[in-house]
Amino acid sequence: DGGGRTRPGQIVITVLDTNDNNPKFSRPAYLATVPEDTSDGTTVIAVTATDYDLDVAGELDYSILVDPANNSSMLFMVNDTTGVVKTAGPLDRESAFLHSIV
């Protein structure tokens, strides 16, 4: 308006956390033993991780990478919220006595 008048004001700026911290599992590897006659849906082990990002950036979703060359990824499932790993298919020790999932 050309009058040279000023009025103080307040501006609030919130800096949001970015997803700059990788999740860290509580162990470098998890080992479990399960009988081959275990029913589908049987709990095998629970994995836990921590992410030090804040809010949404720090939320964890557990999953198993599906690898067509590795049948093991189809024999187990993980609860995306709790990290509980369960059997998801028939286990046959003669076909594979060791399973590795990522």
C-alpha atoms as a PDB file:
ATOM      1  CA  ASP A   1       0.000   0.000   0.000  1.00  0.00           C
ATOM      2  CA  GLY A   2       3.070   2.212  -0.012  1.00  0.00           C
ATOM      3  CA  GLY A   3       2.584   3.367   3.579  1.00  0.00           C
ATOM      4  CA  GLY A   4       5.774   1.751   4.878  1.00  0.00           C
ATOM      5  CA  ARG A   5       3.975   0.019   7.696  1.00  0.00           C
ATOM      6  CA  THR A   6       5.148  -3.387   8.832  1.00  0.00           C
ATOM      7  CA  ARG A   7       3.620  -5.953  11.025  1.00  0.00           C
ATOM      8  CA  PRO A   8       5.506  -8.834  12.650  1.00  0.00           C
ATOM      9  CA  GLY A   9       4.347 -12.323  11.780  1.00  0.00           C
ATOM     10  CA  GLN A  10       5.270 -15.854  12.663  1.00  0.00           C
ATOM     11  CA  ILE A  11       6.171 -18.642  10.259  1.00  0.00           C
ATOM     12  CA  VAL A  12       6.344 -22.214  11.540  1.00  0.00           C
ATOM     13  CA  ILE A  13       8.429 -24.663   9.510  1.00  0.00           C
ATOM     14  CA  THR A  14       8.400 -28.346  10.325  1.00  0.00           C
ATOM     15  CA  VAL A  15      11.321 -30.414   9.062  1.00  0.00           C
ATOM     16  CA  LEU A  16      10.175 -33.951   8.267  1.00  0.00           C
ATOM     17  CA  ASP A  17      12.316 -37.011   8.832  1.00  0.00           C
ATOM     18  CA  THR A  18      13.479 -38.769   5.685  1.00  0.00           C
ATOM     19  CA  ASN A  19      13.980 -42.485   5.299  1.00  0.00           C
ATOM     20  CA  ASP A  20      17.734 -42.263   5.884  1.00  0.00           C
ATOM     21  CA  ASN A  21      18.192 -45.108   8.376  1.00  0.00           C
ATOM     22  CA  ASN A  22      18.150 -48.704   7.213  1.00  0.00           C
ATOM     23  CA  PRO A  23      16.258 -51.181   9.383  1.00  0.00           C
ATOM     24  CA  LYS A  24      18.530 -53.344  11.525  1.00  0.00           C
ATOM     25  CA  PHE A  25      17.609 -56.869  12.527  1.00  0.00           C
ATOM     26  CA  SER A  26      18.256 -57.786  16.145  1.00  0.00           C
ATOM     27  CA  ARG A  27      20.437 -60.710  14.967  1.00  0.00           C
ATOM     28  CA  PRO A  28      22.670 -61.137  11.912  1.00  0.00           C
ATOM     29  CA  ALA A  29      20.972 -64.481  11.163  1.00  0.00           C
ATOM     30  CA  TYR A  30      18.039 -66.466  12.536  1.00  0.00           C
ATOM     31  CA  LEU A  31      18.158 -70.251  12.884  1.00  0.00           C
ATOM     32  CA  ALA A  32      15.200 -72.539  13.467  1.00  0.00           C
ATOM     33  CA  THR A  33      14.444 -76.246  13.318  1.00  0.00           C
ATOM     34  CA  VAL A  34      11.097 -77.634  12.225  1.00  0.00           C
ATOM     35  CA  PRO A  35       9.920 -81.246  11.705  1.00  0.00           C
ATOM     36  CA  GLU A  36       9.027 -82.165   8.121  1.00  0.00           C
ATOM     37  CA  ASP A  37       5.520 -83.239   9.131  1.00  0.00           C
ATOM     38  CA  THR A  38       4.690 -79.758  10.450  1.00  0.00           C
ATOM     39  CA  SER A  39       1.254 -78.462   9.455  1.00  0.00           C
ATOM     40  CA  ASP A  40       0.865 -75.372   7.279  1.00  0.00           C
ATOM     41  CA  GLY A  41       0.598 -72.241   9.388  1.00  0.00           C
ATOM     42  CA  THR A  42       2.861 -73.478  12.175  1.00  0.00           C
ATOM     43  CA  THR A  43       5.031 -70.772  13.722  1.00  0.00           C
ATOM     44  CA  VAL A  44       8.719 -71.386  13.055  1.00  0.00           C
ATOM     45  CA  ILE A  45      10.394 -68.245  14.431  1.00  0.00           C
ATOM     46  CA  ALA A  46       9.850 -64.521  14.940  1.00  0.00           C
ATOM     47  CA  VAL A  47      12.267 -61.986  13.498  1.00  0.00           C
ATOM     48  CA  THR A  48      12.600 -58.455  14.840  1.00  0.00           C
ATOM     49  CA  ALA A  49      14.109 -55.301  13.404  1.00  0.00           C
ATOM     50  CA  THR A  50      14.355 -51.671  14.411  1.00  0.00           C
ATOM     51  CA  ASP A  51      14.256 -48.588  12.202  1.00  0.00           C
ATOM     52  CA  TYR A  52      15.363 -45.315  13.790  1.00  0.00           C
ATOM     53  CA  ASP A  53      13.523 -43.096  11.310  1.00  0.00           C
ATOM     54  CA  LEU A  54      10.531 -41.245  12.709  1.00  0.00           C
ATOM     55  CA  ASP A  55       6.848 -41.592  11.847  1.00  0.00           C
ATOM     56  CA  VAL A  56       6.001 -43.296   8.535  1.00  0.00           C
ATOM     57  CA  ALA A  57       9.665 -43.513   7.484  1.00  0.00           C
ATOM     58  CA  GLY A  58      10.332 -45.738  10.511  1.00  0.00           C
ATOM     59  CA  GLU A  59       7.482 -48.187   9.991  1.00  0.00           C
ATOM     60  CA  LEU A  60       8.542 -51.741   9.203  1.00  0.00           C
ATOM     61  CA  ASP A  61       6.900 -54.199   6.817  1.00  0.00           C
ATOM     62  CA  TYR A  62       8.359 -57.700   6.902  1.00  0.00           C
ATOM     63  CA  SER A  63       8.345 -59.778   3.724  1.00  0.00           C
ATOM     64  CA  ILE A  64      10.098 -62.742   2.129  1.00  0.00           C
ATOM     65  CA  LEU A  65      11.715 -62.176  -1.236  1.00  0.00           C
ATOM     66  CA  VAL A  66      10.219 -64.579  -3.750  1.00  0.00           C
ATOM     67  CA  ASP A  67      12.926 -66.349  -5.712  1.00  0.00           C
ATOM     68  CA  PRO A  68      11.656 -68.691  -8.478  1.00  0.00           C
ATOM     69  CA  ALA A  69      14.985 -70.545  -8.349  1.00  0.00           C
ATOM     70  CA  ASN A  70      14.626 -71.107  -4.604  1.00  0.00           C
ATOM     71  CA  ASN A  71      11.553 -73.114  -3.604  1.00  0.00           C
ATOM     72  CA  SER A  72      12.179 -72.202   0.047  1.00  0.00           C
ATOM     73  CA  SER A  73      10.635 -68.773  -0.438  1.00  0.00           C
ATOM     74  CA  MET A  74       7.319 -70.467  -1.267  1.00  0.00           C
ATOM     75  CA  LEU A  75       7.351 -72.800   1.751  1.00  0.00           C
ATOM     76  CA  PHE A  76       7.308 -70.051   4.365  1.00  0.00           C
ATOM     77  CA  MET A  77       5.349 -66.857   4.991  1.00  0.00           C
ATOM     78  CA  VAL A  78       5.956 -63.920   7.310  1.00  0.00           C
ATOM     79  CA  ASN A  79       3.429 -61.679   9.008  1.00  0.00           C
ATOM     80  CA  ASP A  80       4.204 -58.243   7.583  1.00  0.00           C
ATOM     81  CA  THR A  81       3.570 -56.506  10.911  1.00  0.00           C
ATOM     82  CA  THR A  82       4.849 -58.916  13.576  1.00  0.00           C
ATOM     83  CA  GLY A  83       7.730 -60.677  11.798  1.00  0.00           C
ATOM     84  CA  VAL A  84       6.382 -64.113  12.750  1.00  0.00           C
ATOM     85  CA  VAL A  85       7.519 -66.715  10.195  1.00  0.00           C
ATOM     86  CA  LYS A  86       5.213 -69.684   9.578  1.00  0.00           C
ATOM     87  CA  THR A  87       5.163 -72.696   7.313  1.00  0.00           C
ATOM     88  CA  ALA A  88       3.200 -72.212   4.107  1.00  0.00           C
ATOM     89  CA  GLY A  89       3.656 -75.516   2.331  1.00  0.00           C
ATOM     90  CA  PRO A  90       4.678 -79.138   2.805  1.00  0.00           C
ATOM     91  CA  LEU A  91       8.244 -79.701   3.947  1.00  0.00           C
ATOM     92  CA  ASP A  92      10.144 -82.721   2.631  1.00  0.00           C
ATOM     93  CA  ARG A  93      13.535 -83.403   4.195  1.00  0.00           C
ATOM     94  CA  GLU A  94      14.532 -85.704   1.364  1.00  0.00           C
ATOM     95  CA  SER A  95      14.004 -82.907  -1.179  1.00  0.00           C
ATOM     96  CA  ALA A  96      15.629 -80.176   0.921  1.00  0.00           C
ATOM     97  CA  PHE A  97      16.898 -80.468   4.483  1.00  0.00           C
ATOM     98  CA  LEU A  98      18.003 -76.841   4.685  1.00  0.00           C
ATOM     99  CA  HIS A  99      16.033 -73.738   3.720  1.00  0.00           C
ATOM    100  CA  SER A 100      17.419 -70.238   3.414  1.00  0.00           C
ATOM    101  CA  ILE A 101      15.025 -67.314   2.971  1.00  0.00           C
ATOM    102  CA  VAL A 102      15.685 -63.605   2.650  1.00  0.00           C
END
